[in-house]
N, C-alpha and C. Protein backbone atom coordinates (compact mmCIF):
# COMPACT_ATOMS: atom_id res chain seq x y z
N GLU A 1 -12.46 -9.10 -5.81
CA GLU A 1 -13.63 -9.49 -5.02
C GLU A 1 -14.79 -8.54 -5.21
N GLY A 2 -14.59 -7.45 -5.89
CA GLY A 2 -15.65 -6.46 -6.02
C GLY A 2 -15.36 -5.29 -5.12
N PRO A 3 -16.31 -4.36 -5.00
CA PRO A 3 -16.10 -3.16 -4.18
C PRO A 3 -15.84 -3.52 -2.71
N MET A 4 -14.87 -2.82 -2.11
CA MET A 4 -14.55 -3.02 -0.70
C MET A 4 -14.38 -1.64 -0.07
N PRO A 5 -14.64 -1.53 1.22
CA PRO A 5 -14.40 -0.27 1.90
C PRO A 5 -12.89 0.03 1.95
N ARG A 6 -12.57 1.31 1.98
CA ARG A 6 -11.18 1.74 2.01
C ARG A 6 -10.41 1.09 3.17
N THR A 7 -11.05 0.96 4.32
CA THR A 7 -10.39 0.37 5.48
C THR A 7 -9.97 -1.07 5.21
N GLU A 8 -10.81 -1.81 4.51
CA GLU A 8 -10.49 -3.20 4.18
C GLU A 8 -9.34 -3.27 3.17
N ILE A 9 -9.32 -2.35 2.23
CA ILE A 9 -8.24 -2.31 1.24
C ILE A 9 -6.91 -2.03 1.93
N VAL A 10 -6.90 -1.05 2.82
CA VAL A 10 -5.67 -0.71 3.54
C VAL A 10 -5.21 -1.91 4.37
N LYS A 11 -6.14 -2.59 5.00
CA LYS A 11 -5.81 -3.78 5.79
C LYS A 11 -5.15 -4.84 4.92
N LYS A 12 -5.70 -5.08 3.73
CA LYS A 12 -5.15 -6.09 2.82
C LYS A 12 -3.78 -5.67 2.29
N VAL A 13 -3.59 -4.39 2.03
CA VAL A 13 -2.28 -3.90 1.59
C VAL A 13 -1.25 -4.15 2.68
N TRP A 14 -1.61 -3.87 3.94
CA TRP A 14 -0.67 -4.11 5.03
C TRP A 14 -0.39 -5.61 5.21
N GLU A 15 -1.38 -6.45 4.98
CA GLU A 15 -1.14 -7.90 5.04
C GLU A 15 -0.11 -8.29 3.99
N TYR A 16 -0.23 -7.72 2.79
CA TYR A 16 0.71 -8.00 1.70
C TYR A 16 2.11 -7.50 2.08
N ILE A 17 2.20 -6.30 2.63
CA ILE A 17 3.49 -5.73 3.03
C ILE A 17 4.18 -6.65 4.04
N LYS A 18 3.45 -7.09 5.04
CA LYS A 18 4.03 -7.94 6.08
C LYS A 18 4.37 -9.33 5.55
N ALA A 19 3.52 -9.91 4.70
CA ALA A 19 3.76 -11.25 4.16
C ALA A 19 4.98 -11.30 3.25
N HIS A 20 5.29 -10.17 2.60
CA HIS A 20 6.41 -10.12 1.66
C HIS A 20 7.61 -9.34 2.21
N ASN A 21 7.62 -9.07 3.51
CA ASN A 21 8.73 -8.36 4.17
C ASN A 21 9.14 -7.10 3.42
N LEU A 22 8.18 -6.21 3.20
CA LEU A 22 8.44 -5.00 2.44
C LEU A 22 8.71 -3.78 3.32
N GLN A 23 9.00 -4.02 4.59
CA GLN A 23 9.42 -2.94 5.47
C GLN A 23 10.93 -3.05 5.67
N SER A 24 11.60 -1.92 5.66
CA SER A 24 13.04 -1.91 5.86
C SER A 24 13.36 -2.48 7.24
N PRO A 25 14.32 -3.39 7.34
CA PRO A 25 14.67 -3.94 8.67
C PRO A 25 15.24 -2.87 9.61
N GLU A 26 15.92 -1.85 9.05
CA GLU A 26 16.52 -0.81 9.88
C GLU A 26 15.51 0.25 10.30
N ASN A 27 14.52 0.52 9.43
CA ASN A 27 13.53 1.57 9.70
C ASN A 27 12.17 1.05 9.25
N LYS A 28 11.38 0.57 10.18
CA LYS A 28 10.08 -0.05 9.86
C LYS A 28 9.10 0.93 9.22
N LYS A 29 9.38 2.24 9.28
CA LYS A 29 8.50 3.22 8.64
C LYS A 29 8.74 3.31 7.14
N LEU A 30 9.81 2.68 6.66
CA LEU A 30 10.18 2.74 5.26
C LEU A 30 9.65 1.50 4.53
N LEU A 31 8.84 1.72 3.49
CA LEU A 31 8.28 0.62 2.71
C LEU A 31 9.11 0.44 1.45
N LEU A 32 9.46 -0.82 1.18
CA LEU A 32 10.31 -1.16 0.04
C LEU A 32 9.46 -1.82 -1.04
N PRO A 33 9.51 -1.33 -2.26
CA PRO A 33 8.68 -1.91 -3.31
C PRO A 33 9.21 -3.23 -3.84
N ASP A 34 8.31 -4.16 -4.12
CA ASP A 34 8.65 -5.33 -4.91
C ASP A 34 7.99 -5.11 -6.27
N GLU A 35 7.99 -6.10 -7.14
CA GLU A 35 7.45 -5.90 -8.49
C GLU A 35 5.98 -5.49 -8.48
N LYS A 36 5.16 -6.17 -7.69
CA LYS A 36 3.72 -5.85 -7.65
C LYS A 36 3.45 -4.54 -6.92
N PHE A 37 4.09 -4.35 -5.78
CA PHE A 37 3.84 -3.18 -4.94
C PHE A 37 4.32 -1.89 -5.60
N SER A 38 5.30 -2.00 -6.49
CA SER A 38 5.81 -0.80 -7.16
C SER A 38 4.76 -0.19 -8.09
N ALA A 39 3.75 -0.96 -8.47
CA ALA A 39 2.65 -0.40 -9.28
C ALA A 39 1.86 0.63 -8.49
N ILE A 40 1.91 0.54 -7.18
CA ILE A 40 1.19 1.48 -6.31
C ILE A 40 2.11 2.59 -5.81
N ILE A 41 3.29 2.22 -5.33
CA ILE A 41 4.15 3.21 -4.68
C ILE A 41 5.30 3.70 -5.54
N GLY A 42 5.51 3.11 -6.69
CA GLY A 42 6.66 3.48 -7.52
C GLY A 42 7.86 2.62 -7.18
N ASN A 43 9.00 2.92 -7.78
CA ASN A 43 10.18 2.07 -7.61
C ASN A 43 11.07 2.46 -6.44
N ALA A 44 10.85 3.62 -5.86
CA ALA A 44 11.68 4.08 -4.74
C ALA A 44 11.01 3.76 -3.41
N PRO A 45 11.78 3.48 -2.37
CA PRO A 45 11.21 3.29 -1.03
C PRO A 45 10.46 4.55 -0.60
N ILE A 46 9.37 4.36 0.16
CA ILE A 46 8.58 5.50 0.64
C ILE A 46 8.35 5.39 2.13
N ASP A 47 8.04 6.52 2.75
CA ASP A 47 7.64 6.56 4.15
C ASP A 47 6.22 6.00 4.24
N MET A 48 5.93 5.20 5.23
CA MET A 48 4.62 4.57 5.35
C MET A 48 3.48 5.58 5.43
N PHE A 49 3.77 6.81 5.87
CA PHE A 49 2.72 7.81 5.99
C PHE A 49 2.31 8.37 4.63
N ALA A 50 3.08 8.09 3.58
CA ALA A 50 2.74 8.52 2.23
C ALA A 50 1.83 7.50 1.54
N LEU A 51 1.69 6.32 2.12
CA LEU A 51 0.90 5.24 1.51
C LEU A 51 -0.56 5.62 1.25
N PRO A 52 -1.30 6.21 2.19
CA PRO A 52 -2.71 6.53 1.92
C PRO A 52 -2.91 7.42 0.69
N LYS A 53 -2.05 8.40 0.52
CA LYS A 53 -2.17 9.30 -0.63
C LYS A 53 -1.92 8.52 -1.93
N LEU A 54 -0.92 7.66 -1.94
CA LEU A 54 -0.62 6.88 -3.13
C LEU A 54 -1.72 5.86 -3.43
N LEU A 55 -2.32 5.30 -2.40
CA LEU A 55 -3.44 4.36 -2.59
C LEU A 55 -4.65 5.08 -3.18
N SER A 56 -4.89 6.31 -2.76
CA SER A 56 -6.05 7.07 -3.22
C SER A 56 -6.11 7.17 -4.74
N ALA A 57 -4.95 7.23 -5.37
CA ALA A 57 -4.91 7.34 -6.83
C ALA A 57 -5.45 6.08 -7.51
N HIS A 58 -5.54 4.98 -6.76
CA HIS A 58 -5.98 3.71 -7.33
C HIS A 58 -7.39 3.32 -6.89
N LEU A 59 -8.04 4.18 -6.10
CA LEU A 59 -9.36 3.86 -5.57
C LEU A 59 -10.42 4.79 -6.16
N LYS A 60 -11.63 4.27 -6.28
CA LYS A 60 -12.74 5.08 -6.74
C LYS A 60 -13.70 5.29 -5.57
N LYS A 61 -14.33 6.46 -5.54
CA LYS A 61 -15.34 6.72 -4.52
C LYS A 61 -16.62 5.96 -4.89
N LYS A 62 -17.32 5.55 -3.85
CA LYS A 62 -18.58 4.86 -4.06
C LYS A 62 -19.59 5.81 -4.70
N GLU A 63 -20.24 5.33 -5.73
CA GLU A 63 -21.26 6.14 -6.40
C GLU A 63 -22.59 6.01 -5.67
N GLY A 64 -23.32 7.11 -5.69
CA GLY A 64 -24.67 7.06 -5.14
C GLY A 64 -24.72 7.70 -3.84
């Protein structure tokens, strides 16, 4: 869609997580990768608090 604010990107990532049931049923803080999501978080499950740091590697700061 073009440039989006970081808050909107995080919101969309969480929509994807919830739509594809990527949270562990036993521990909702644990995110489970699927094929697409593993491009961001890797192949191992991660703690949800590690998500912002991993997302940062895929985002660019606004120029200007």
